[in-house]
Amino acid sequence: MNRFFYFKVTFLSVSAGLFAGIIVYGLFDIDFSNSEALTKLVTRSFVTAIVTGLLLGILNMFFKIGNFPNKEK
């Protein structure tokens, strides 16, 4: 397995989970009649998920953390 595999697995799983979690958590606090608050929530959750996913993906790319099954050649 190459380093991109470790980056991809970590980035996709962390980003998707964090984005969905922040959206769901934020929906309890906002007023649905205010479209600016909803736009701000989606933007903030997207940026947070991408930045955190990038950082953890790069770290995992170098440290290769995780017990992924080895591919047969």
N, C-alpha and C. Protein backbone atom coordinates (compact mmCIF):
# COMPACT_ATOMS: atom_id res chain seq x y z
N MET A 1 0.84 -1.18 0.00
CA MET A 1 0.00 0.00 0.00
C MET A 1 0.88 1.24 0.00
N ASN A 2 0.49 2.17 -0.78
CA ASN A 2 1.26 3.41 -0.83
C ASN A 2 0.73 4.42 0.18
N ARG A 3 1.43 5.51 0.30
CA ARG A 3 1.06 6.53 1.30
C ARG A 3 -0.26 7.20 0.97
N PHE A 4 -0.60 7.30 -0.30
CA PHE A 4 -1.85 7.96 -0.67
C PHE A 4 -3.06 7.18 -0.15
N PHE A 5 -2.95 5.87 -0.07
CA PHE A 5 -4.04 5.06 0.47
C PHE A 5 -4.34 5.44 1.92
N TYR A 6 -3.30 5.58 2.73
CA TYR A 6 -3.48 5.97 4.13
C TYR A 6 -4.08 7.36 4.24
N PHE A 7 -3.62 8.28 3.39
CA PHE A 7 -4.18 9.63 3.39
C PHE A 7 -5.65 9.61 3.00
N LYS A 8 -5.97 8.89 1.93
CA LYS A 8 -7.33 8.87 1.39
C LYS A 8 -8.32 8.29 2.40
N VAL A 9 -7.95 7.18 3.02
CA VAL A 9 -8.87 6.54 3.97
C VAL A 9 -9.13 7.46 5.16
N THR A 10 -8.08 8.06 5.69
CA THR A 10 -8.25 8.94 6.84
C THR A 10 -9.00 10.21 6.46
N PHE A 11 -8.62 10.84 5.36
CA PHE A 11 -9.23 12.10 4.96
C PHE A 11 -10.72 11.93 4.71
N LEU A 12 -11.10 10.92 3.95
CA LEU A 12 -12.52 10.74 3.61
C LEU A 12 -13.36 10.41 4.83
N SER A 13 -12.89 9.51 5.66
CA SER A 13 -13.71 9.11 6.81
C SER A 13 -13.82 10.24 7.84
N VAL A 14 -12.72 10.91 8.13
CA VAL A 14 -12.77 11.99 9.11
C VAL A 14 -13.58 13.18 8.58
N SER A 15 -13.36 13.54 7.34
CA SER A 15 -14.07 14.70 6.78
C SER A 15 -15.57 14.46 6.70
N ALA A 16 -15.98 13.31 6.23
CA ALA A 16 -17.42 13.03 6.12
C ALA A 16 -18.08 12.96 7.49
N GLY A 17 -17.44 12.29 8.42
CA GLY A 17 -18.02 12.17 9.76
C GLY A 17 -18.09 13.50 10.48
N LEU A 18 -17.04 14.27 10.39
CA LEU A 18 -17.00 15.55 11.07
C LEU A 18 -17.99 16.53 10.45
N PHE A 19 -18.11 16.53 9.13
CA PHE A 19 -19.06 17.42 8.46
C PHE A 19 -20.49 17.09 8.88
N ALA A 20 -20.83 15.82 8.86
CA ALA A 20 -22.19 15.42 9.24
C ALA A 20 -22.45 15.70 10.72
N GLY A 21 -21.47 15.45 11.55
CA GLY A 21 -21.64 15.68 12.99
C GLY A 21 -21.83 17.14 13.33
N ILE A 22 -21.05 18.01 12.72
CA ILE A 22 -21.18 19.44 12.99
C ILE A 22 -22.51 19.98 12.46
N ILE A 23 -22.94 19.49 11.29
CA ILE A 23 -24.23 19.92 10.74
C ILE A 23 -25.37 19.52 11.68
N VAL A 24 -25.39 18.27 12.10
CA VAL A 24 -26.48 17.79 12.96
C VAL A 24 -26.46 18.52 14.30
N TYR A 25 -25.28 18.68 14.88
CA TYR A 25 -25.18 19.38 16.16
C TYR A 25 -25.59 20.84 16.02
N GLY A 26 -25.22 21.47 14.94
CA GLY A 26 -25.55 22.88 14.73
C GLY A 26 -27.01 23.12 14.42
N LEU A 27 -27.69 22.13 13.86
CA LEU A 27 -29.11 22.31 13.54
C LEU A 27 -29.98 22.47 14.78
N PHE A 28 -29.49 22.01 15.92
CA PHE A 28 -30.25 22.17 17.16
C PHE A 28 -30.20 23.61 17.67
N ASP A 29 -29.19 24.37 17.24
CA ASP A 29 -28.99 25.70 17.78
C ASP A 29 -29.48 26.84 16.89
N ILE A 30 -29.66 26.60 15.59
CA ILE A 30 -29.96 27.72 14.71
C ILE A 30 -31.46 27.91 14.54
N ASP A 31 -31.80 29.08 14.06
CA ASP A 31 -33.18 29.43 13.74
C ASP A 31 -33.36 29.20 12.23
N PHE A 32 -34.29 28.35 11.86
CA PHE A 32 -34.45 27.97 10.45
C PHE A 32 -34.99 29.09 9.58
N SER A 33 -35.54 30.13 10.16
CA SER A 33 -36.03 31.24 9.36
C SER A 33 -34.89 32.15 8.90
N ASN A 34 -33.72 32.00 9.50
CA ASN A 34 -32.57 32.83 9.15
C ASN A 34 -31.66 32.04 8.21
N SER A 35 -31.70 32.39 6.92
CA SER A 35 -30.91 31.64 5.94
C SER A 35 -29.42 31.94 6.07
N GLU A 36 -29.08 33.10 6.59
CA GLU A 36 -27.66 33.44 6.78
C GLU A 36 -27.01 32.54 7.83
N ALA A 37 -27.75 32.20 8.87
CA ALA A 37 -27.22 31.32 9.91
C ALA A 37 -27.00 29.91 9.36
N LEU A 38 -27.90 29.46 8.51
CA LEU A 38 -27.75 28.13 7.92
C LEU A 38 -26.56 28.08 6.97
N THR A 39 -26.39 29.13 6.18
CA THR A 39 -25.24 29.21 5.27
C THR A 39 -23.93 29.25 6.06
N LYS A 40 -23.94 30.00 7.12
CA LYS A 40 -22.74 30.10 7.97
C LYS A 40 -22.41 28.76 8.61
N LEU A 41 -23.43 28.03 9.04
CA LEU A 41 -23.23 26.71 9.64
C LEU A 41 -22.64 25.73 8.64
N VAL A 42 -23.18 25.70 7.43
CA VAL A 42 -22.68 24.78 6.41
C VAL A 42 -21.25 25.13 6.02
N THR A 43 -20.97 26.41 5.86
CA THR A 43 -19.61 26.84 5.50
C THR A 43 -18.62 26.51 6.60
N ARG A 44 -18.99 26.78 7.84
CA ARG A 44 -18.09 26.51 8.96
C ARG A 44 -17.83 25.02 9.12
N SER A 45 -18.87 24.21 8.95
CA SER A 45 -18.69 22.77 9.09
C SER A 45 -17.85 22.20 7.95
N PHE A 46 -18.03 22.74 6.73
CA PHE A 46 -17.25 22.27 5.59
C PHE A 46 -15.77 22.61 5.75
N VAL A 47 -15.49 23.84 6.13
CA VAL A 47 -14.09 24.26 6.31
C VAL A 47 -13.42 23.48 7.44
N THR A 48 -14.13 23.33 8.55
CA THR A 48 -13.57 22.57 9.67
C THR A 48 -13.29 21.13 9.29
N ALA A 49 -14.21 20.50 8.57
CA ALA A 49 -14.03 19.11 8.17
C ALA A 49 -12.87 18.95 7.20
N ILE A 50 -12.74 19.84 6.24
CA ILE A 50 -11.66 19.74 5.25
C ILE A 50 -10.30 19.98 5.90
N VAL A 51 -10.19 21.01 6.72
CA VAL A 51 -8.90 21.31 7.36
C VAL A 51 -8.48 20.20 8.31
N THR A 52 -9.40 19.72 9.12
CA THR A 52 -9.07 18.64 10.05
C THR A 52 -8.75 17.36 9.30
N GLY A 53 -9.50 17.06 8.25
CA GLY A 53 -9.21 15.88 7.44
C GLY A 53 -7.85 15.96 6.77
N LEU A 54 -7.48 17.13 6.27
CA LEU A 54 -6.16 17.30 5.66
C LEU A 54 -5.04 17.09 6.67
N LEU A 55 -5.18 17.70 7.84
CA LEU A 55 -4.14 17.56 8.86
C LEU A 55 -3.98 16.11 9.31
N LEU A 56 -5.09 15.47 9.61
CA LEU A 56 -5.00 14.08 10.07
C LEU A 56 -4.59 13.14 8.94
N GLY A 57 -5.00 13.44 7.72
CA GLY A 57 -4.59 12.62 6.58
C GLY A 57 -3.11 12.72 6.32
N ILE A 58 -2.55 13.92 6.43
CA ILE A 58 -1.11 14.08 6.23
C ILE A 58 -0.34 13.39 7.35
N LEU A 59 -0.81 13.52 8.58
CA LEU A 59 -0.15 12.82 9.67
C LEU A 59 -0.20 11.31 9.48
N ASN A 60 -1.35 10.80 9.08
CA ASN A 60 -1.48 9.36 8.88
C ASN A 60 -0.67 8.89 7.68
N MET A 61 -0.46 9.75 6.71
CA MET A 61 0.34 9.39 5.54
C MET A 61 1.79 9.14 5.95
N PHE A 62 2.29 9.90 6.90
CA PHE A 62 3.68 9.72 7.33
C PHE A 62 3.84 8.66 8.41
N PHE A 63 2.87 8.54 9.32
CA PHE A 63 3.00 7.58 10.41
C PHE A 63 2.38 6.22 10.10
N LYS A 64 1.51 6.17 9.08
CA LYS A 64 0.85 4.94 8.62
C LYS A 64 0.16 4.20 9.78
N ILE A 65 -0.76 4.91 10.42
CA ILE A 65 -1.50 4.36 11.55
C ILE A 65 -2.75 3.66 11.03
N GLY A 66 -3.07 2.53 11.58
CA GLY A 66 -4.28 1.81 11.20
C GLY A 66 -3.96 0.40 10.81
N ASN A 67 -4.87 -0.50 11.11
CA ASN A 67 -4.67 -1.90 10.73
C ASN A 67 -5.56 -2.24 9.56
N PHE A 68 -5.14 -1.81 8.41
CA PHE A 68 -5.86 -2.11 7.17
C PHE A 68 -5.39 -3.47 6.66
N PRO A 69 -6.30 -4.24 6.11
CA PRO A 69 -5.87 -5.56 5.59
C PRO A 69 -4.90 -5.40 4.43
N ASN A 70 -3.89 -6.26 4.41
CA ASN A 70 -2.91 -6.23 3.31
C ASN A 70 -3.53 -6.79 2.04
N LYS A 71 -3.23 -6.14 0.93
CA LYS A 71 -3.73 -6.61 -0.35
C LYS A 71 -2.84 -7.73 -0.85
N GLU A 72 -3.46 -8.72 -1.46
CA GLU A 72 -2.71 -9.81 -2.06
C GLU A 72 -2.16 -9.34 -3.38
N LYS A 73 -0.93 -9.71 -3.69
CA LYS A 73 -0.31 -9.27 -4.95
C LYS A 73 -0.69 -10.17 -6.09
